Amino acid sequence: MPKVKFYATLIKAAGGREASVEASNVGELINRLRDGYGGRLDRYLKVSTVLVNGTNVTQLKGRKTRLKPDDVVSIFPPLGGG
């Protein structure tokens, strides 16, 4: 089962730094996170950066990126500053 790591403000919204989510691809994982956390993550997941094993999914197959049981999915909320 892929491991999900949350960063920054997502840690508080998710109630922890990590979760394990059964999903065959990134899109399914995002949907299960939305359903499983009762909407607390919804606003963040729409605009977060998602990495699978350290590679941004935009450089892979986006939400269609397949997941293996030992994959690590890192989710970062948008960052600001300057």
Protein backbone atom coordinates (compact mmCIF):
# COMPACT_ATOMS: atom_id res chain seq x y z
CA MET A 1 0.00 0.00 0.00
CA PRO A 2 1.56 3.34 -1.00
CA LYS A 3 2.71 5.58 1.84
CA VAL A 4 1.56 9.21 1.74
CA LYS A 5 3.67 11.91 3.41
CA PHE A 6 2.09 15.26 4.22
CA TYR A 7 4.06 18.49 4.55
CA ALA A 8 3.56 21.98 6.04
CA THR A 9 -0.11 22.91 6.60
CA LEU A 10 -1.25 19.51 5.32
CA ILE A 11 0.08 17.86 8.47
CA LYS A 12 -2.47 19.67 10.62
CA ALA A 13 -5.31 19.17 8.12
CA ALA A 14 -4.56 15.45 7.89
CA GLY A 15 -3.97 15.03 11.61
CA GLY A 16 -0.51 13.54 11.06
CA ARG A 17 2.55 13.36 8.87
CA GLU A 18 1.83 10.06 7.13
CA ALA A 19 -0.92 7.75 5.96
CA SER A 20 -1.19 4.56 3.96
CA VAL A 21 -3.76 4.61 1.18
CA GLU A 22 -4.77 1.76 -1.09
CA ALA A 23 -4.81 3.15 -4.64
CA SER A 24 -3.74 2.02 -8.10
CA ASN A 25 -2.89 5.51 -9.40
CA VAL A 26 -2.41 9.08 -8.20
CA GLY A 27 -5.92 10.20 -9.16
CA GLU A 28 -7.50 7.40 -7.13
CA LEU A 29 -5.22 8.20 -4.20
CA ILE A 30 -6.25 11.88 -4.26
CA ASN A 31 -9.93 10.91 -4.37
CA ARG A 32 -9.52 8.52 -1.45
CA LEU A 33 -7.76 11.21 0.56
CA ARG A 34 -10.62 13.62 -0.14
CA ASP A 35 -13.19 11.03 0.93
CA GLY A 36 -11.21 9.73 3.90
CA TYR A 37 -10.53 13.10 5.50
CA GLY A 38 -14.04 14.49 5.27
CA GLY A 39 -13.14 17.44 3.09
CA ARG A 40 -10.43 18.81 5.41
CA LEU A 41 -7.82 18.28 2.69
CA ASP A 42 -9.99 19.14 -0.30
CA ARG A 43 -8.97 22.79 -0.72
CA TYR A 44 -5.29 21.85 -0.45
CA LEU A 45 -5.37 18.84 -2.76
CA LYS A 46 -6.68 20.93 -5.65
CA VAL A 47 -3.48 23.00 -5.73
CA SER A 48 -0.81 20.83 -4.09
CA THR A 49 2.36 19.51 -5.63
CA VAL A 50 2.42 15.71 -5.72
CA LEU A 51 5.61 13.67 -5.98
CA VAL A 52 5.93 9.92 -6.40
CA ASN A 53 9.28 8.65 -5.13
CA GLY A 54 10.66 12.17 -5.42
CA THR A 55 9.47 12.89 -8.98
CA ASN A 56 6.73 15.43 -9.66
CA VAL A 57 3.74 13.67 -11.24
CA THR A 58 3.64 16.40 -13.91
CA GLN A 59 6.87 14.83 -15.21
CA LEU A 60 5.28 11.38 -15.15
CA LYS A 61 1.69 10.65 -16.22
CA GLY A 62 -0.06 13.11 -13.92
CA ARG A 63 -3.06 11.65 -12.10
CA LYS A 64 -2.77 8.52 -14.24
CA THR A 65 0.64 7.71 -12.74
CA ARG A 66 0.47 4.10 -11.57
CA LEU A 67 1.34 3.33 -7.96
CA LYS A 68 3.09 0.28 -6.54
CA PRO A 69 2.70 -0.88 -2.94
CA ASP A 70 6.16 0.39 -1.93
CA ASP A 71 5.82 3.86 -3.50
CA VAL A 72 6.07 7.02 -1.42
CA VAL A 73 3.73 9.85 -2.39
CA SER A 74 4.70 13.26 -1.01
CA ILE A 75 2.13 16.05 -1.03
CA PHE A 76 3.18 19.69 -0.61
CA PRO A 77 0.71 22.57 -0.34
CA PRO A 78 1.45 25.71 -2.36
CA LEU A 79 4.20 27.79 -0.80
CA GLY A 80 4.42 31.55 -0.82
CA GLY A 81 6.95 34.07 0.21
CA GLY A 82 9.39 36.42 -1.26
